[in-house]
PDB file of N, CA and C in Angstrom:
ATOM      1  N   UNK A   1       0.645  -0.801   0.169  1.00  0.00           N
ATOM      2  CA  UNK A   1       0.025  -0.195   0.271  1.00  0.00           C
ATOM      3  C   UNK A   1       0.718   1.014   0.165  1.00  0.00           C
ATOM      4  N   UNK A   2       0.475   2.222  -0.629  1.00  0.00           N
ATOM      5  CA  UNK A   2       1.014   3.258  -0.394  1.00  0.00           C
ATOM      6  C   UNK A   2       0.317   4.625  -0.326  1.00  0.00           C
ATOM      7  N   UNK A   3       0.863   5.726   0.125  1.00  0.00           N
ATOM      8  CA  UNK A   3      -0.167   7.323   0.279  1.00  0.00           C
ATOM      9  C   UNK A   3      -0.333   8.289  -1.240  1.00  0.00           C
ATOM     10  N   UNK A   4      -0.712   8.616  -0.937  1.00  0.00           N
ATOM     11  CA  UNK A   4      -1.287   9.461  -2.227  1.00  0.00           C
ATOM     12  C   UNK A   4      -2.424  10.463  -2.127  1.00  0.00           C
ATOM     13  N   UNK A   5      -2.167  11.397  -2.992  1.00  0.00           N
ATOM     14  CA  UNK A   5      -3.003  12.421  -2.418  1.00  0.00           C
ATOM     15  C   UNK A   5      -3.784  12.574  -4.005  1.00  0.00           C
ATOM     16  N   UNK A   6      -5.150  12.439  -4.042  1.00  0.00           N
ATOM     17  CA  UNK A   6      -5.798  12.740  -5.506  1.00  0.00           C
ATOM     18  C   UNK A   6      -5.737  14.312  -5.608  1.00  0.00           C
ATOM     19  N   UNK A   7      -5.295  14.098  -7.314  1.00  0.00           N
ATOM     20  CA  UNK A   7      -4.974  15.470  -7.867  1.00  0.00           C
ATOM     21  C   UNK A   7      -6.194  15.831  -9.183  1.00  0.00           C
ATOM     22  N   UNK A   8      -6.854  14.502  -9.289  1.00  0.00           N
ATOM     23  CA  UNK A   8      -7.636  15.148 -10.156  1.00  0.00           C
ATOM     24  C   UNK A   8      -8.341  13.951 -10.462  1.00  0.00           C
ATOM     25  N   UNK A   9      -9.934  13.773 -11.658  1.00  0.00           N
ATOM     26  CA  UNK A   9     -10.031  12.630 -11.852  1.00  0.00           C
ATOM     27  C   UNK A   9     -10.356  12.112 -13.403  1.00  0.00           C
ATOM     28  N   UNK A  10     -11.088  11.116 -13.568  1.00  0.00           N
ATOM     29  CA  UNK A  10     -11.100  10.780 -15.233  1.00  0.00           C
ATOM     30  C   UNK A  10     -12.467  11.181 -15.446  1.00  0.00           C
ATOM     31  N   UNK A  11     -12.850  11.361 -16.437  1.00  0.00           N
ATOM     32  CA  UNK A  11     -14.216  11.101 -17.098  1.00  0.00           C
ATOM     33  C   UNK A  11     -14.029  10.270 -18.602  1.00  0.00           C
ATOM     34  N   UNK A  12     -15.414   9.057 -18.457  1.00  0.00           N
ATOM     35  CA  UNK A  12     -14.562   8.538 -19.512  1.00  0.00           C
ATOM     36  C   UNK A  12     -16.336   7.852 -19.994  1.00  0.00           C
ATOM     37  N   UNK A  13     -16.547   7.730 -21.503  1.00  0.00           N
ATOM     38  CA  UNK A  13     -17.923   7.621 -22.516  1.00  0.00           C
ATOM     39  C   UNK A  13     -18.059   5.899 -21.688  1.00  0.00           C
ATOM     40  N   UNK A  14     -16.659   5.145 -22.044  1.00  0.00           N
ATOM     41  CA  UNK A  14     -16.585   4.011 -23.145  1.00  0.00           C
ATOM     42  C   UNK A  14     -15.965   3.539 -21.698  1.00  0.00           C
ATOM     43  N   UNK A  15     -16.170   2.309 -20.858  1.00  0.00           N
ATOM     44  CA  UNK A  15     -14.875   2.273 -20.045  1.00  0.00           C
ATOM     45  C   UNK A  15     -14.808   0.473 -19.242  1.00  0.00           C
ATOM     46  N   UNK A  16     -14.471  -0.731 -19.202  1.00  0.00           N
ATOM     47  CA  UNK A  16     -14.748  -1.964 -19.260  1.00  0.00           C
ATOM     48  C   UNK A  16     -16.144  -2.087 -17.969  1.00  0.00           C
ATOM     49  N   UNK A  17     -16.798  -3.096 -18.080  1.00  0.00           N
ATOM     50  CA  UNK A  17     -17.218  -3.069 -16.631  1.00  0.00           C
ATOM     51  C   UNK A  17     -17.145  -3.157 -15.610  1.00  0.00           C
ATOM     52  N   UNK A  18     -16.306  -3.542 -15.325  1.00  0.00           N
ATOM     53  CA  UNK A  18     -15.308  -3.727 -13.442  1.00  0.00           C
ATOM     54  C   UNK A  18     -15.626  -2.259 -12.984  1.00  0.00           C
ATOM     55  N   UNK A  19     -15.394  -1.249 -14.357  1.00  0.00           N
ATOM     56  CA  UNK A  19     -15.351   0.296 -13.820  1.00  0.00           C
ATOM     57  C   UNK A  19     -17.045   1.010 -13.359  1.00  0.00           C
ATOM     58  N   UNK A  20     -17.692   0.426 -13.619  1.00  0.00           N
ATOM     59  CA  UNK A  20     -18.905   0.540 -13.827  1.00  0.00           C
ATOM     60  C   UNK A  20     -19.813   0.637 -12.239  1.00  0.00           C
ATOM     61  N   UNK A  21     -19.437   2.390 -11.909  1.00  0.00           N
ATOM     62  CA  UNK A  21     -19.983   2.432 -10.786  1.00  0.00           C
ATOM     63  C   UNK A  21     -19.282   2.799  -9.866  1.00  0.00           C
ATOM     64  N   UNK A  22     -17.801   3.561 -10.448  1.00  0.00           N
ATOM     65  CA  UNK A  22     -16.835   3.463  -9.639  1.00  0.00           C
ATOM     66  C   UNK A  22     -16.003   4.327 -10.154  1.00  0.00           C
ATOM     67  N   UNK A  23     -15.323   5.828  -9.291  1.00  0.00           N
ATOM     68  CA  UNK A  23     -14.737   6.578 -10.353  1.00  0.00           C
ATOM     69  C   UNK A  23     -13.255   6.586 -10.074  1.00  0.00           C
ATOM     70  N   UNK A  24     -12.734   7.058 -11.171  1.00  0.00           N
ATOM     71  CA  UNK A  24     -11.214   6.766 -11.684  1.00  0.00           C
ATOM     72  C   UNK A  24     -10.466   8.094 -11.137  1.00  0.00           C
ATOM     73  N   UNK A  25      -9.737   8.239 -10.196  1.00  0.00           N
ATOM     74  CA  UNK A  25      -9.138   8.899  -9.582  1.00  0.00           C
ATOM     75  C   UNK A  25      -7.672   9.463 -10.603  1.00  0.00           C
ATOM     76  N   UNK A  26      -6.409  10.462 -10.048  1.00  0.00           N
ATOM     77  CA  UNK A  26      -5.598  10.585 -10.781  1.00  0.00           C
ATOM     78  C   UNK A  26      -4.885  10.713  -9.137  1.00  0.00           C
ATOM     79  N   UNK A  27      -3.930  10.089  -9.234  1.00  0.00           N
ATOM     80  CA  UNK A  27      -3.482   9.780  -7.557  1.00  0.00           C
ATOM     81  C   UNK A  27      -1.575   9.966  -7.624  1.00  0.00           C
ATOM     82  N   UNK A  28      -1.273  10.778  -6.902  1.00  0.00           N
ATOM     83  CA  UNK A  28      -0.007  11.302  -7.232  1.00  0.00           C
ATOM     84  C   UNK A  28       0.349  10.599  -5.426  1.00  0.00           C
ATOM     85  N   UNK A  29       1.282   9.800  -5.693  1.00  0.00           N
ATOM     86  CA  UNK A  29       2.278   9.707  -4.335  1.00  0.00           C
ATOM     87  C   UNK A  29       2.748  10.055  -3.718  1.00  0.00           C
ATOM     88  N   UNK A  30       2.671  10.748  -2.624  1.00  0.00           N
ATOM     89  CA  UNK A  30       3.234  11.046  -1.501  1.00  0.00           C
ATOM     90  C   UNK A  30       4.183  10.582  -0.537  1.00  0.00           C
ATOM     91  N   UNK A  31       5.116  10.999   0.127  1.00  0.00           N
ATOM     92  CA  UNK A  31       6.108  10.469   1.704  1.00  0.00           C
ATOM     93  C   UNK A  31       5.460  11.180   3.247  1.00  0.00           C
ATOM     94  N   UNK A  32       5.789  10.497   3.676  1.00  0.00           N
ATOM     95  CA  UNK A  32       5.536  10.602   5.022  1.00  0.00           C
ATOM     96  C   UNK A  32       5.146  12.278   5.079  1.00  0.00           C
ATOM     97  N   UNK A  33       5.811  12.674   4.380  1.00  0.00           N
ATOM     98  CA  UNK A  33       5.640  14.661   5.101  1.00  0.00           C
ATOM     99  C   UNK A  33       4.500  15.172   4.256  1.00  0.00           C
ATOM    100  N   UNK A  34       4.427  13.688   3.374  1.00  0.00           N
ATOM    101  CA  UNK A  34       3.536  15.128   1.971  1.00  0.00           C
ATOM    102  C   UNK A  34       3.677  15.534   1.103  1.00  0.00           C
ATOM    103  N   UNK A  35       5.108  15.528   0.823  1.00  0.00           N
ATOM    104  CA  UNK A  35       5.906  15.995  -0.644  1.00  0.00           C
ATOM    105  C   UNK A  35       5.998  14.449  -1.980  1.00  0.00           C
ATOM    106  N   UNK A  36       5.709  14.504  -3.065  1.00  0.00           N
ATOM    107  CA  UNK A  36       5.591  14.464  -3.911  1.00  0.00           C
ATOM    108  C   UNK A  36       6.597  13.323  -3.898  1.00  0.00           C
ATOM    109  N   UNK A  37       6.242  12.123  -4.490  1.00  0.00           N
ATOM    110  CA  UNK A  37       7.567  11.065  -4.675  1.00  0.00           C
ATOM    111  C   UNK A  37       7.284  10.096  -5.764  1.00  0.00           C
ATOM    112  N   UNK A  38       7.196  10.405  -6.483  1.00  0.00           N
ATOM    113  CA  UNK A  38       7.061   9.485  -7.902  1.00  0.00           C
ATOM    114  C   UNK A  38       5.591  10.066  -8.931  1.00  0.00           C
ATOM    115  N   UNK A  39       5.533   9.324 -10.122  1.00  0.00           N
ATOM    116  CA  UNK A  39       4.494   9.439 -11.100  1.00  0.00           C
ATOM    117  C   UNK A  39       3.199   9.262 -11.002  1.00  0.00           C
ATOM    118  N   UNK A  40       2.739  10.311 -11.225  1.00  0.00           N
ATOM    119  CA  UNK A  40       0.905   9.895 -11.027  1.00  0.00           C
ATOM    120  C   UNK A  40       0.669   9.005 -11.495  1.00  0.00           C
ATOM    121  N   UNK A  41      -0.752   8.501 -10.785  1.00  0.00           N
ATOM    122  CA  UNK A  41      -0.614   7.486 -11.821  1.00  0.00           C
ATOM    123  C   UNK A  41      -3.019   7.020 -11.435  1.00  0.00           C
ATOM    124  N   UNK A  42      -3.730   6.458 -12.222  1.00  0.00           N
ATOM    125  CA  UNK A  42      -4.715   6.559 -12.482  1.00  0.00           C
ATOM    126  C   UNK A  42      -5.318   4.938 -11.328  1.00  0.00           C
ATOM    127  N   UNK A  43      -6.448   5.143 -10.693  1.00  0.00           N
ATOM    128  CA  UNK A  43      -6.749   4.412  -8.918  1.00  0.00           C
ATOM    129  C   UNK A  43      -8.393   4.265  -9.303  1.00  0.00           C
ATOM    130  N   UNK A  44      -9.237   3.126  -8.939  1.00  0.00           N
ATOM    131  CA  UNK A  44     -10.304   2.819  -9.351  1.00  0.00           C
ATOM    132  C   UNK A  44     -10.752   3.228  -7.626  1.00  0.00           C
ATOM    133  N   UNK A  45     -11.501   4.230  -7.502  1.00  0.00           N
ATOM    134  CA  UNK A  45     -11.986   4.899  -5.994  1.00  0.00           C
ATOM    135  C   UNK A  45     -12.903   4.046  -5.542  1.00  0.00           C
ATOM    136  N   UNK A  46     -12.793   2.941  -4.001  1.00  0.00           N
ATOM    137  CA  UNK A  46     -13.962   2.749  -3.439  1.00  0.00           C
ATOM    138  C   UNK A  46     -13.826   2.975  -1.964  1.00  0.00           C
ATOM    139  N   UNK A  47     -13.414   4.569  -2.084  1.00  0.00           N
ATOM    140  CA  UNK A  47     -13.411   5.134  -0.730  1.00  0.00           C
ATOM    141  C   UNK A  47     -14.241   6.498  -0.489  1.00  0.00           C
ATOM    142  N   UNK A  48     -14.967   6.770  -1.670  1.00  0.00           N
ATOM    143  CA  UNK A  48     -15.165   7.769  -1.735  1.00  0.00           C
ATOM    144  C   UNK A  48     -14.601   8.986  -1.786  1.00  0.00           C
ATOM    145  N   UNK A  49     -13.439   9.472  -2.165  1.00  0.00           N
ATOM    146  CA  UNK A  49     -12.650  10.170  -1.795  1.00  0.00           C
ATOM    147  C   UNK A  49     -12.395  11.312  -2.903  1.00  0.00           C
ATOM    148  N   UNK A  50     -11.563  12.753  -2.760  1.00  0.00           N
ATOM    149  CA  UNK A  50     -12.207  13.358  -4.073  1.00  0.00           C
ATOM    150  C   UNK A  50     -11.221  14.441  -3.906  1.00  0.00           C
ATOM    151  N   UNK A  51     -10.721  15.254  -4.868  1.00  0.00           N
ATOM    152  CA  UNK A  51      -9.504  15.829  -4.960  1.00  0.00           C
ATOM    153  C   UNK A  51      -9.339  17.194  -4.013  1.00  0.00           C
ATOM    154  N   UNK A  52      -8.001  16.373  -3.893  1.00  0.00           N
ATOM    155  CA  UNK A  52      -7.633  16.905  -2.400  1.00  0.00           C
ATOM    156  C   UNK A  52      -7.186  15.802  -1.262  1.00  0.00           C
ATOM    157  N   UNK A  53      -7.559  14.877  -1.202  1.00  0.00           N
ATOM    158  CA  UNK A  53      -7.570  14.351  -0.034  1.00  0.00           C
ATOM    159  C   UNK A  53      -6.318  12.862  -0.149  1.00  0.00           C
ATOM    160  N   UNK A  54      -5.747  12.826   0.887  1.00  0.00           N
ATOM    161  CA  UNK A  54      -4.964  11.974   1.334  1.00  0.00           C
ATOM    162  C   UNK A  54      -5.624  10.737   1.336  1.00  0.00           C
ATOM    163  N   UNK A  55      -4.797   9.834   0.121  1.00  0.00           N
ATOM    164  CA  UNK A  55      -5.804   8.055   0.354  1.00  0.00           C
ATOM    165  C   UNK A  55      -4.816   7.360   0.556  1.00  0.00           C
ATOM    166  N   UNK A  56      -5.338   6.306   1.368  1.00  0.00           N
ATOM    167  CA  UNK A  56      -4.466   4.896   1.085  1.00  0.00           C
ATOM    168  C   UNK A  56      -4.826   4.407  -0.428  1.00  0.00           C
ATOM    169  N   UNK A  57      -3.822   3.562  -0.941  1.00  0.00           N
ATOM    170  CA  UNK A  57      -3.590   2.906  -2.231  1.00  0.00           C
ATOM    171  C   UNK A  57      -3.043   1.659  -2.570  1.00  0.00           C
ATOM    172  N   UNK A  58      -4.146   0.777  -2.945  1.00  0.00           N
ATOM    173  CA  UNK A  58      -3.307  -1.204  -2.666  1.00  0.00           C
ATOM    174  C   UNK A  58      -3.580  -1.349  -3.889  1.00  0.00           C
ATOM    175  N   UNK A  59      -2.111  -1.419  -4.695  1.00  0.00           N
ATOM    176  CA  UNK A  59      -1.587  -1.101  -5.066  1.00  0.00           C
ATOM    177  C   UNK A  59      -1.158  -3.514  -6.096  1.00  0.00           C
ATOM    178  N   UNK A  60      -2.097  -3.966  -5.485  1.00  0.00           N
ATOM    179  CA  UNK A  60      -1.811  -5.528  -6.191  1.00  0.00           C
ATOM    180  C   UNK A  60      -3.490  -6.769  -6.429  1.00  0.00           C
ATOM    181  N   UNK A  61      -2.931  -6.679  -7.471  1.00  0.00           N
ATOM    182  CA  UNK A  61      -4.261  -7.478  -8.058  1.00  0.00           C
ATOM    183  C   UNK A  61      -5.303  -8.139  -7.510  1.00  0.00           C
ATOM    184  N   UNK A  62      -4.773  -9.288  -6.733  1.00  0.00           N
ATOM    185  CA  UNK A  62      -5.177 -10.230  -5.362  1.00  0.00           C
ATOM    186  C   UNK A  62      -6.453  -9.429  -4.807  1.00  0.00           C
ATOM    187  N   UNK A  63      -5.896  -8.593  -3.938  1.00  0.00           N
ATOM    188  CA  UNK A  63      -6.162  -7.828  -2.974  1.00  0.00           C
ATOM    189  C   UNK A  63      -7.096  -7.299  -3.710  1.00  0.00           C
ATOM    190  N   UNK A  64      -7.189  -6.355  -4.923  1.00  0.00           N
ATOM    191  CA  UNK A  64      -8.486  -5.804  -4.895  1.00  0.00           C
ATOM    192  C   UNK A  64      -9.506  -6.821  -5.558  1.00  0.00           C
ATOM    193  N   UNK A  65      -8.982  -7.959  -6.251  1.00  0.00           N
ATOM    194  CA  UNK A  65      -9.835  -8.806  -6.095  1.00  0.00           C
ATOM    195  C   UNK A  65     -11.054  -8.808  -5.062  1.00  0.00           C
ATOM    196  N   UNK A  66     -10.113  -9.115  -4.374  1.00  0.00           N
ATOM    197  CA  UNK A  66     -11.063  -9.940  -2.654  1.00  0.00           C
ATOM    198  C   UNK A  66     -11.878  -8.582  -1.941  1.00  0.00           C
ATOM    199  N   UNK A  67     -11.424  -7.381  -2.494  1.00  0.00           N
ATOM    200  CA  UNK A  67     -11.927  -6.389  -1.673  1.00  0.00           C
ATOM    201  C   UNK A  67     -13.357  -6.243  -2.554  1.00  0.00           C
ATOM    202  N   UNK A  68     -13.036  -6.084  -3.410  1.00  0.00           N
ATOM    203  CA  UNK A  68     -14.518  -5.652  -4.291  1.00  0.00           C
ATOM    204  C   UNK A  68     -15.640  -7.191  -4.620  1.00  0.00           C
ATOM    205  N   UNK A  69     -14.866  -7.999  -4.240  1.00  0.00           N
ATOM    206  CA  UNK A  69     -15.307  -9.795  -4.714  1.00  0.00           C
ATOM    207  C   UNK A  69     -15.917  -9.660  -5.920  1.00  0.00           C
ATOM    208  N   UNK A  70     -15.319  -9.346  -6.803  1.00  0.00           N
ATOM    209  CA  UNK A  70     -14.984 -10.558  -8.194  1.00  0.00           C
ATOM    210  C   UNK A  70     -14.752 -11.640  -7.761  1.00  0.00           C
ATOM    211  N   UNK A  71     -14.890 -12.174  -8.586  1.00  0.00           N
ATOM    212  CA  UNK A  71     -14.965 -14.039  -9.039  1.00  0.00           C
ATOM    213  C   UNK A  71     -14.283 -14.306  -9.978  1.00  0.00           C
ATOM    214  N   UNK A  72     -14.365 -13.178 -11.036  1.00  0.00           N
ATOM    215  CA  UNK A  72     -13.131 -13.290 -11.774  1.00  0.00           C
ATOM    216  C   UNK A  72     -11.882 -12.277 -11.307  1.00  0.00           C
ATOM    217  N   UNK A  73     -10.619 -11.992 -12.066  1.00  0.00           N
ATOM    218  CA  UNK A  73      -9.502 -11.025 -11.697  1.00  0.00           C
ATOM    219  C   UNK A  73     -10.422  -9.556 -12.758  1.00  0.00           C
ATOM    220  N   UNK A  74     -10.191  -8.237 -12.422  1.00  0.00           N
ATOM    221  CA  UNK A  74     -10.930  -7.375 -12.710  1.00  0.00           C
ATOM    222  C   UNK A  74      -9.577  -6.541 -13.080  1.00  0.00           C
ATOM    223  N   UNK A  75      -9.858  -5.991 -14.336  1.00  0.00           N
ATOM    224  CA  UNK A  75      -8.776  -5.486 -14.784  1.00  0.00           C
ATOM    225  C   UNK A  75      -8.747  -4.140 -13.787  1.00  0.00           C
ATOM    226  N   UNK A  76      -8.032  -4.345 -12.883  1.00  0.00           N
ATOM    227  CA  UNK A  76      -7.712  -3.452 -11.781  1.00  0.00           C
ATOM    228  C   UNK A  76      -6.311  -3.776 -11.277  1.00  0.00           C
ATOM    229  N   UNK A  77      -5.370  -2.496 -11.338  1.00  0.00           N
ATOM    230  CA  UNK A  77      -4.314  -2.821  -9.987  1.00  0.00           C
ATOM    231  C   UNK A  77      -4.334  -2.160  -9.365  1.00  0.00           C
ATOM    232  N   UNK A  78      -4.152  -0.624  -9.063  1.00  0.00           N
ATOM    233  CA  UNK A  78      -4.452   0.205  -7.922  1.00  0.00           C
ATOM    234  C   UNK A  78      -5.963   0.841  -7.603  1.00  0.00           C
ATOM    235  N   UNK A  79      -6.247   0.823  -6.365  1.00  0.00           N
ATOM    236  CA  UNK A  79      -7.690   0.617  -5.579  1.00  0.00           C
ATOM    237  C   UNK A  79      -7.145   1.867  -4.503  1.00  0.00           C
ATOM    238  N   UNK A  80      -8.117   2.738  -4.483  1.00  0.00           N
ATOM    239  CA  UNK A  80      -7.944   3.669  -3.316  1.00  0.00           C
ATOM    240  C   UNK A  80      -8.975   2.898  -2.103  1.00  0.00           C
ATOM    241  N   UNK A  81      -8.252   2.777  -1.368  1.00  0.00           N
ATOM    242  CA  UNK A  81      -9.161   2.258   0.107  1.00  0.00           C
ATOM    243  C   UNK A  81      -9.507   2.200   1.116  1.00  0.00           C
ATOM    244  N   UNK A  82      -8.762   3.891   1.182  1.00  0.00           N
ATOM    245  CA  UNK A  82      -9.258   4.516   2.801  1.00  0.00           C
ATOM    246  C   UNK A  82      -8.829   6.484   2.288  1.00  0.00           C
ATOM    247  N   UNK A  83      -9.297   6.929   3.519  1.00  0.00           N
ATOM    248  CA  UNK A  83      -8.884   8.378   3.165  1.00  0.00           C
ATOM    249  C   UNK A  83      -7.830   8.315   4.780  1.00  0.00           C
ATOM    250  N   UNK A  84      -6.868   9.224   4.360  1.00  0.00           N
ATOM    251  CA  UNK A  84      -6.222   9.512   5.464  1.00  0.00           C
ATOM    252  C   UNK A  84      -6.078  10.691   6.164  1.00  0.00           C
ATOM    253  N   UNK A  85      -6.901  10.693   7.958  1.00  0.00           N
ATOM    254  CA  UNK A  85      -6.987  11.820   8.093  1.00  0.00           C
ATOM    255  C   UNK A  85      -5.786  12.649   8.358  1.00  0.00           C
ATOM    256  N   UNK A  86      -4.383  11.838   9.404  1.00  0.00           N
ATOM    257  CA  UNK A  86      -3.244  11.662   9.671  1.00  0.00           C
ATOM    258  C   UNK A  86      -2.356  10.995   9.708  1.00  0.00           C
ATOM    259  N   UNK A  87      -1.030  11.480   9.009  1.00  0.00           N
ATOM    260  CA  UNK A  87       0.523  10.769   9.034  1.00  0.00           C
ATOM    261  C   UNK A  87       1.296  10.896   9.856  1.00  0.00           C
ATOM    262  N   UNK A  88       1.440  10.196  11.416  1.00  0.00           N
ATOM    263  CA  UNK A  88       2.259  10.574  12.330  1.00  0.00           C
ATOM    264  C   UNK A  88       3.423   9.746  12.156  1.00  0.00           C
ATOM    265  N   UNK A  89       4.674  10.218  12.281  1.00  0.00           N
ATOM    266  CA  UNK A  89       5.927   9.554  12.008  1.00  0.00           C
ATOM    267  C   UNK A  89       6.992   9.711  13.194  1.00  0.00           C
ATOM    268  N   UNK A  90       7.663   8.254  14.028  1.00  0.00           N
ATOM    269  CA  UNK A  90       8.188   8.630  15.191  1.00  0.00           C
ATOM    270  C   UNK A  90       9.183   8.279  14.854  1.00  0.00           C
ATOM    271  N   UNK A  91      10.459   8.798  15.333  1.00  0.00           N
ATOM    272  CA  UNK A  91      11.427   8.385  15.335  1.00  0.00           C
ATOM    273  C   UNK A  91      12.617   9.570  14.934  1.00  0.00           C
TER     274      UNK A  91
END
Protein backbone atom coordinates (compact mmCIF):
# COMPACT_ATOMS: atom_id res chain seq x y z
CA UNK A 1 0.00 0.00 0.00
CA UNK A 2 1.09 3.55 -0.61
CA UNK A 3 0.07 7.05 0.43
CA UNK A 4 -1.14 9.40 -2.26
CA UNK A 5 -2.99 12.64 -2.85
CA UNK A 6 -5.89 12.83 -5.31
CA UNK A 7 -5.00 15.46 -7.91
CA UNK A 8 -7.77 14.95 -10.47
CA UNK A 9 -10.37 12.65 -11.95
CA UNK A 10 -10.95 10.87 -15.23
CA UNK A 11 -14.14 11.15 -17.26
CA UNK A 12 -14.81 8.24 -19.60
CA UNK A 13 -17.75 7.64 -21.91
CA UNK A 14 -16.83 3.98 -22.41
CA UNK A 15 -15.14 1.72 -19.89
CA UNK A 16 -14.74 -1.91 -18.84
CA UNK A 17 -17.67 -3.29 -16.84
CA UNK A 18 -15.44 -3.63 -13.75
CA UNK A 19 -15.18 0.17 -13.62
CA UNK A 20 -18.93 0.84 -13.78
CA UNK A 21 -20.12 2.50 -10.59
CA UNK A 22 -16.60 3.54 -9.57
CA UNK A 23 -14.76 6.82 -10.07
CA UNK A 24 -11.32 6.76 -11.63
CA UNK A 25 -9.01 9.25 -9.93
CA UNK A 26 -5.51 10.56 -10.62
CA UNK A 27 -3.27 9.96 -7.60
CA UNK A 28 0.10 11.56 -6.86
CA UNK A 29 2.24 9.33 -4.59
CA UNK A 30 3.49 11.18 -1.50
CA UNK A 31 5.96 10.51 1.29
CA UNK A 32 5.26 10.67 5.03
CA UNK A 33 5.79 14.46 4.93
CA UNK A 34 3.27 14.99 2.13
CA UNK A 35 5.89 15.68 -0.56
CA UNK A 36 5.46 14.19 -4.04
CA UNK A 37 7.41 10.95 -4.46
CA UNK A 38 6.88 9.47 -7.89
CA UNK A 39 4.77 9.70 -11.01
CA UNK A 40 0.97 10.12 -10.82
CA UNK A 41 -1.15 7.09 -11.67
CA UNK A 42 -4.81 6.17 -12.11
CA UNK A 43 -6.70 4.40 -9.32
CA UNK A 44 -10.26 3.16 -8.94
CA UNK A 45 -11.99 4.81 -5.98
CA UNK A 46 -13.55 2.52 -3.39
CA UNK A 47 -13.57 5.08 -0.54
CA UNK A 48 -15.51 8.06 -1.95
CA UNK A 49 -12.35 10.16 -2.15
CA UNK A 50 -12.18 13.53 -3.81
CA UNK A 51 -9.62 15.96 -5.17
CA UNK A 52 -7.16 17.04 -2.49
CA UNK A 53 -7.77 14.01 -0.24
CA UNK A 54 -4.83 12.02 1.11
CA UNK A 55 -5.59 8.38 0.36
CA UNK A 56 -4.33 4.88 1.02
CA UNK A 57 -3.92 2.95 -2.23
CA UNK A 58 -3.71 -0.82 -2.59
CA UNK A 59 -1.43 -1.70 -5.52
CA UNK A 60 -1.91 -5.44 -5.83
CA UNK A 61 -4.35 -7.30 -8.06
CA UNK A 62 -5.35 -10.18 -5.76
CA UNK A 63 -6.18 -7.81 -2.90
CA UNK A 64 -8.27 -5.70 -5.27
CA UNK A 65 -10.20 -8.79 -6.35
CA UNK A 66 -10.90 -9.72 -2.73
CA UNK A 67 -12.04 -6.24 -1.72
CA UNK A 68 -14.32 -5.88 -4.75
CA UNK A 69 -15.53 -9.46 -4.23
CA UNK A 70 -15.01 -10.24 -7.91
CA UNK A 71 -15.38 -13.83 -9.06
CA UNK A 72 -12.92 -13.22 -11.90
CA UNK A 73 -9.89 -10.94 -11.63
CA UNK A 74 -10.89 -7.42 -12.70
CA UNK A 75 -8.47 -5.36 -14.83
CA UNK A 76 -7.74 -3.15 -11.83
CA UNK A 77 -4.32 -2.91 -10.18
CA UNK A 78 -4.63 0.27 -8.07
CA UNK A 79 -7.59 0.70 -5.71
CA UNK A 80 -8.18 3.53 -3.24
CA UNK A 81 -9.18 1.77 -0.01
CA UNK A 82 -9.16 4.60 2.52
CA UNK A 83 -9.03 8.32 3.19
CA UNK A 84 -6.19 9.29 5.54
CA UNK A 85 -6.87 11.89 8.23
CA UNK A 86 -3.35 12.21 9.66
CA UNK A 87 0.10 10.69 9.28
CA UNK A 88 2.37 10.41 12.33
CA UNK A 89 5.96 9.26 12.08
CA UNK A 90 7.88 8.42 15.24
CA UNK A 91 11.62 8.32 15.55
